[in-house]
PDB file of N, CA and C in Angstrom:
ATOM      1  N   MET A   1     -61.466  62.320 -48.644  1.00  0.00           N
ATOM      2  CA  MET A   1     -61.797  61.183 -49.797  1.00  0.00           C
ATOM      3  C   MET A   1     -61.613  61.613 -50.903  1.00  0.00           C
ATOM      4  N   LEU A   2     -61.899  63.306 -51.594  1.00  0.00           N
ATOM      5  CA  LEU A   2     -61.941  63.617 -52.269  1.00  0.00           C
ATOM      6  C   LEU A   2     -60.459  63.698 -52.858  1.00  0.00           C
ATOM      7  N   LEU A   3     -60.356  64.730 -52.087  1.00  0.00           N
ATOM      8  CA  LEU A   3     -58.414  64.571 -52.998  1.00  0.00           C
ATOM      9  C   LEU A   3     -57.795  63.863 -52.421  1.00  0.00           C
ATOM     10  N   ASP A   4     -58.576  62.902 -51.257  1.00  0.00           N
ATOM     11  CA  ASP A   4     -57.371  61.190 -51.854  1.00  0.00           C
ATOM     12  C   ASP A   4     -57.251  61.730 -52.852  1.00  0.00           C
ATOM     13  N   LYS A   5     -58.744  60.339 -53.427  1.00  0.00           N
ATOM     14  CA  LYS A   5     -58.629  60.565 -55.143  1.00  0.00           C
ATOM     15  C   LYS A   5     -57.598  61.366 -55.905  1.00  0.00           C
ATOM     16  N   LEU A   6     -58.291  62.685 -55.659  1.00  0.00           N
ATOM     17  CA  LEU A   6     -56.826  63.453 -56.167  1.00  0.00           C
ATOM     18  C   LEU A   6     -55.988  63.233 -56.189  1.00  0.00           C
ATOM     19  N   ASP A   7     -55.279  62.917 -55.846  1.00  0.00           N
ATOM     20  CA  ASP A   7     -54.185  63.006 -55.921  1.00  0.00           C
ATOM     21  C   ASP A   7     -53.662  61.296 -55.716  1.00  0.00           C
ATOM     22  N   GLU A   8     -54.744  60.794 -56.247  1.00  0.00           N
ATOM     23  CA  GLU A   8     -54.624  59.274 -56.340  1.00  0.00           C
ATOM     24  C   GLU A   8     -54.718  60.142 -57.615  1.00  0.00           C
ATOM     25  N   ILE A   9     -54.917  60.099 -58.994  1.00  0.00           N
ATOM     26  CA  ILE A   9     -55.459  61.029 -60.389  1.00  0.00           C
ATOM     27  C   ILE A   9     -53.776  60.734 -60.437  1.00  0.00           C
ATOM     28  N   GLU A  10     -53.324  62.848 -59.781  1.00  0.00           N
ATOM     29  CA  GLU A  10     -52.387  63.046 -59.784  1.00  0.00           C
ATOM     30  C   GLU A  10     -51.493  62.222 -60.040  1.00  0.00           C
ATOM     31  N   GLY A  11     -51.342  62.051 -59.079  1.00  0.00           N
ATOM     32  CA  GLY A  11     -49.872  60.200 -58.811  1.00  0.00           C
ATOM     33  C   GLY A  11     -50.153  59.823 -60.669  1.00  0.00           C
ATOM     34  N   LYS A  12     -50.603  59.036 -60.766  1.00  0.00           N
ATOM     35  CA  LYS A  12     -51.253  58.420 -62.401  1.00  0.00           C
ATOM     36  C   LYS A  12     -50.527  58.939 -62.956  1.00  0.00           C
ATOM     37  N   TYR A  13     -51.410  60.152 -63.605  1.00  0.00           N
ATOM     38  CA  TYR A  13     -50.548  61.126 -65.135  1.00  0.00           C
ATOM     39  C   TYR A  13     -49.594  60.799 -64.199  1.00  0.00           C
ATOM     40  N   ASP A  14     -49.066  61.139 -63.806  1.00  0.00           N
ATOM     41  CA  ASP A  14     -46.965  62.040 -63.670  1.00  0.00           C
ATOM     42  C   ASP A  14     -46.227  60.411 -63.766  1.00  0.00           C
ATOM     43  N   GLU A  15     -47.332  59.063 -63.003  1.00  0.00           N
ATOM     44  CA  GLU A  15     -46.561  57.224 -63.572  1.00  0.00           C
ATOM     45  C   GLU A  15     -46.482  57.772 -65.305  1.00  0.00           C
ATOM     46  N   LEU A  16     -47.283  57.906 -66.120  1.00  0.00           N
ATOM     47  CA  LEU A  16     -47.832  58.479 -67.283  1.00  0.00           C
ATOM     48  C   LEU A  16     -46.930  58.919 -67.903  1.00  0.00           C
ATOM     49  N   THR A  17     -46.701  60.121 -67.270  1.00  0.00           N
ATOM     50  CA  THR A  17     -45.846  60.633 -68.434  1.00  0.00           C
ATOM     51  C   THR A  17     -44.501  59.716 -67.608  1.00  0.00           C
ATOM     52  N   LYS A  18     -43.757  59.760 -67.108  1.00  0.00           N
ATOM     53  CA  LYS A  18     -42.189  59.271 -66.742  1.00  0.00           C
ATOM     54  C   LYS A  18     -42.663  58.013 -67.603  1.00  0.00           C
ATOM     55  N   ILE A  19     -43.689  56.548 -68.132  1.00  0.00           N
ATOM     56  CA  ILE A  19     -44.102  56.202 -68.299  1.00  0.00           C
ATOM     57  C   ILE A  19     -43.210  56.677 -70.316  1.00  0.00           C
ATOM     58  N   LEU A  20     -44.375  57.215 -70.408  1.00  0.00           N
ATOM     59  CA  LEU A  20     -44.579  58.360 -71.989  1.00  0.00           C
ATOM     60  C   LEU A  20     -43.118  58.862 -72.455  1.00  0.00           C
ATOM     61  N   SER A  21     -42.526  59.005 -71.006  1.00  0.00           N
ATOM     62  CA  SER A  21     -40.613  59.858 -71.640  1.00  0.00           C
ATOM     63  C   SER A  21     -39.585  58.636 -71.970  1.00  0.00           C
ATOM     64  N   ASP A  22     -39.739  57.286 -71.626  1.00  0.00           N
ATOM     65  CA  ASP A  22     -39.448  56.586 -72.099  1.00  0.00           C
ATOM     66  C   ASP A  22     -39.125  56.265 -73.627  1.00  0.00           C
ATOM     67  N   PRO A  23     -38.635  56.389 -74.336  1.00  0.00           N
ATOM     68  CA  PRO A  23     -38.531  56.336 -75.353  1.00  0.00           C
ATOM     69  C   PRO A  23     -38.570  55.047 -76.462  1.00  0.00           C
ATOM     70  N   GLU A  24     -39.119  53.695 -75.365  1.00  0.00           N
ATOM     71  CA  GLU A  24     -38.244  52.974 -75.556  1.00  0.00           C
ATOM     72  C   GLU A  24     -40.095  52.669 -75.487  1.00  0.00           C
ATOM     73  N   ILE A  25     -40.738  53.483 -75.180  1.00  0.00           N
ATOM     74  CA  ILE A  25     -42.144  52.842 -75.158  1.00  0.00           C
ATOM     75  C   ILE A  25     -42.810  52.908 -76.008  1.00  0.00           C
ATOM     76  N   PHE A  26     -41.515  53.266 -77.366  1.00  0.00           N
ATOM     77  CA  PHE A  26     -42.884  54.148 -78.437  1.00  0.00           C
ATOM     78  C   PHE A  26     -42.342  52.877 -79.978  1.00  0.00           C
ATOM     79  N   SER A  27     -42.105  51.598 -79.417  1.00  0.00           N
ATOM     80  CA  SER A  27     -40.740  50.920 -79.981  1.00  0.00           C
ATOM     81  C   SER A  27     -42.246  49.794 -80.113  1.00  0.00           C
ATOM     82  N   ASP A  28     -43.399  49.972 -78.973  1.00  0.00           N
ATOM     83  CA  ASP A  28     -44.885  49.014 -79.255  1.00  0.00           C
ATOM     84  C   ASP A  28     -45.591  50.054 -78.565  1.00  0.00           C
ATOM     85  N   TYR A  29     -46.086  49.958 -79.973  1.00  0.00           N
ATOM     86  CA  TYR A  29     -47.565  50.952 -81.150  1.00  0.00           C
ATOM     87  C   TYR A  29     -47.830  50.770 -80.075  1.00  0.00           C
ATOM     88  N   THR A  30     -49.029  50.277 -79.502  1.00  0.00           N
ATOM     89  CA  THR A  30     -50.663  49.773 -79.204  1.00  0.00           C
ATOM     90  C   THR A  30     -50.029  49.877 -77.607  1.00  0.00           C
ATOM     91  N   ARG A  31     -49.183  50.269 -76.523  1.00  0.00           N
ATOM     92  CA  ARG A  31     -48.923  50.116 -75.371  1.00  0.00           C
ATOM     93  C   ARG A  31     -48.307  51.546 -75.620  1.00  0.00           C
ATOM     94  N   SER A  32     -48.012  52.415 -76.074  1.00  0.00           N
ATOM     95  CA  SER A  32     -47.271  53.759 -75.937  1.00  0.00           C
ATOM     96  C   SER A  32     -48.868  54.160 -76.413  1.00  0.00           C
ATOM     97  N   GLN A  33     -50.347  53.856 -77.103  1.00  0.00           N
ATOM     98  CA  GLN A  33     -50.886  55.066 -77.182  1.00  0.00           C
ATOM     99  C   GLN A  33     -52.208  54.432 -76.414  1.00  0.00           C
ATOM    100  N   LYS A  34     -52.381  53.091 -75.761  1.00  0.00           N
ATOM    101  CA  LYS A  34     -53.119  53.089 -74.580  1.00  0.00           C
ATOM    102  C   LYS A  34     -52.514  53.649 -73.539  1.00  0.00           C
ATOM    103  N   TYR A  35     -51.395  54.204 -73.105  1.00  0.00           N
ATOM    104  CA  TYR A  35     -50.895  55.180 -72.126  1.00  0.00           C
ATOM    105  C   TYR A  35     -50.677  57.073 -72.938  1.00  0.00           C
ATOM    106  N   SER A  36     -50.588  56.610 -73.566  1.00  0.00           N
ATOM    107  CA  SER A  36     -51.236  57.802 -74.512  1.00  0.00           C
ATOM    108  C   SER A  36     -52.486  58.361 -74.234  1.00  0.00           C
ATOM    109  N   LYS A  37     -53.071  57.850 -74.015  1.00  0.00           N
ATOM    110  CA  LYS A  37     -54.990  57.702 -74.300  1.00  0.00           C
ATOM    111  C   LYS A  37     -55.623  58.011 -72.563  1.00  0.00           C
ATOM    112  N   GLU A  38     -54.392  57.625 -72.242  1.00  0.00           N
ATOM    113  CA  GLU A  38     -55.237  57.269 -70.790  1.00  0.00           C
ATOM    114  C   GLU A  38     -54.661  57.973 -69.763  1.00  0.00           C
ATOM    115  N   GLN A  39     -52.981  58.853 -70.162  1.00  0.00           N
ATOM    116  CA  GLN A  39     -53.245  59.794 -69.993  1.00  0.00           C
ATOM    117  C   GLN A  39     -53.888  61.152 -70.056  1.00  0.00           C
ATOM    118  N   SER A  40     -53.992  61.505 -71.619  1.00  0.00           N
ATOM    119  CA  SER A  40     -54.854  62.361 -72.089  1.00  0.00           C
ATOM    120  C   SER A  40     -56.868  62.354 -71.057  1.00  0.00           C
ATOM    121  N   ASP A  41     -56.636  61.226 -71.072  1.00  0.00           N
ATOM    122  CA  ASP A  41     -57.859  61.870 -70.560  1.00  0.00           C
ATOM    123  C   ASP A  41     -58.169  61.765 -68.782  1.00  0.00           C
ATOM    124  N   LEU A  42     -56.460  62.244 -68.595  1.00  0.00           N
ATOM    125  CA  LEU A  42     -56.067  62.411 -67.240  1.00  0.00           C
ATOM    126  C   LEU A  42     -55.847  63.518 -67.191  1.00  0.00           C
ATOM    127  N   GLU A  43     -55.370  64.670 -68.001  1.00  0.00           N
ATOM    128  CA  GLU A  43     -54.512  65.959 -68.732  1.00  0.00           C
ATOM    129  C   GLU A  43     -55.982  66.838 -67.626  1.00  0.00           C
ATOM    130  N   GLU A  44     -57.305  66.573 -68.120  1.00  0.00           N
ATOM    131  CA  GLU A  44     -57.952  67.542 -67.522  1.00  0.00           C
ATOM    132  C   GLU A  44     -58.104  68.088 -66.741  1.00  0.00           C
ATOM    133  N   ILE A  45     -58.987  66.905 -65.294  1.00  0.00           N
ATOM    134  CA  ILE A  45     -58.744  66.648 -64.483  1.00  0.00           C
ATOM    135  C   ILE A  45     -57.510  68.119 -63.780  1.00  0.00           C
ATOM    136  N   VAL A  46     -56.400  67.210 -63.796  1.00  0.00           N
ATOM    137  CA  VAL A  46     -54.521  67.302 -62.999  1.00  0.00           C
ATOM    138  C   VAL A  46     -54.763  68.594 -63.645  1.00  0.00           C
ATOM    139  N   ASN A  47     -55.350  69.629 -64.823  1.00  0.00           N
ATOM    140  CA  ASN A  47     -54.311  71.012 -64.555  1.00  0.00           C
ATOM    141  C   ASN A  47     -55.675  71.519 -63.462  1.00  0.00           C
ATOM    142  N   VAL A  48     -56.952  71.079 -64.190  1.00  0.00           N
ATOM    143  CA  VAL A  48     -57.716  71.904 -62.955  1.00  0.00           C
ATOM    144  C   VAL A  48     -57.352  71.812 -61.856  1.00  0.00           C
ATOM    145  N   MET A  49     -56.589  71.075 -60.891  1.00  0.00           N
ATOM    146  CA  MET A  49     -56.432  70.834 -59.920  1.00  0.00           C
ATOM    147  C   MET A  49     -55.883  72.187 -60.301  1.00  0.00           C
ATOM    148  N   LEU A  50     -54.571  71.405 -60.176  1.00  0.00           N
ATOM    149  CA  LEU A  50     -52.586  72.532 -60.152  1.00  0.00           C
ATOM    150  C   LEU A  50     -53.371  73.847 -60.141  1.00  0.00           C
ATOM    151  N   LYS A  51     -54.499  74.440 -61.218  1.00  0.00           N
ATOM    152  CA  LYS A  51     -54.695  75.568 -61.321  1.00  0.00           C
ATOM    153  C   LYS A  51     -55.443  75.898 -59.668  1.00  0.00           C
ATOM    154  N   ARG A  52     -56.882  75.479 -59.022  1.00  0.00           N
ATOM    155  CA  ARG A  52     -57.051  75.423 -58.321  1.00  0.00           C
ATOM    156  C   ARG A  52     -56.823  74.783 -56.990  1.00  0.00           C
ATOM    157  N   PHE A  53     -54.974  73.976 -56.536  1.00  0.00           N
ATOM    158  CA  PHE A  53     -54.445  74.379 -55.287  1.00  0.00           C
ATOM    159  C   PHE A  53     -53.609  74.845 -55.181  1.00  0.00           C
TER     160      PHE A  53
END
């Protein structure tokens, strides 16, 4: 159950990384800030998870 949730978080983080790697996203400041914040919120969890697994 917990591992499933962690996989879900990692998947969302990867999805946001892909979105933010597209330069076109930065033409919409509001969306780019939203995605950047969401990715930042998940980053610590993903980094800890990657170190442990």
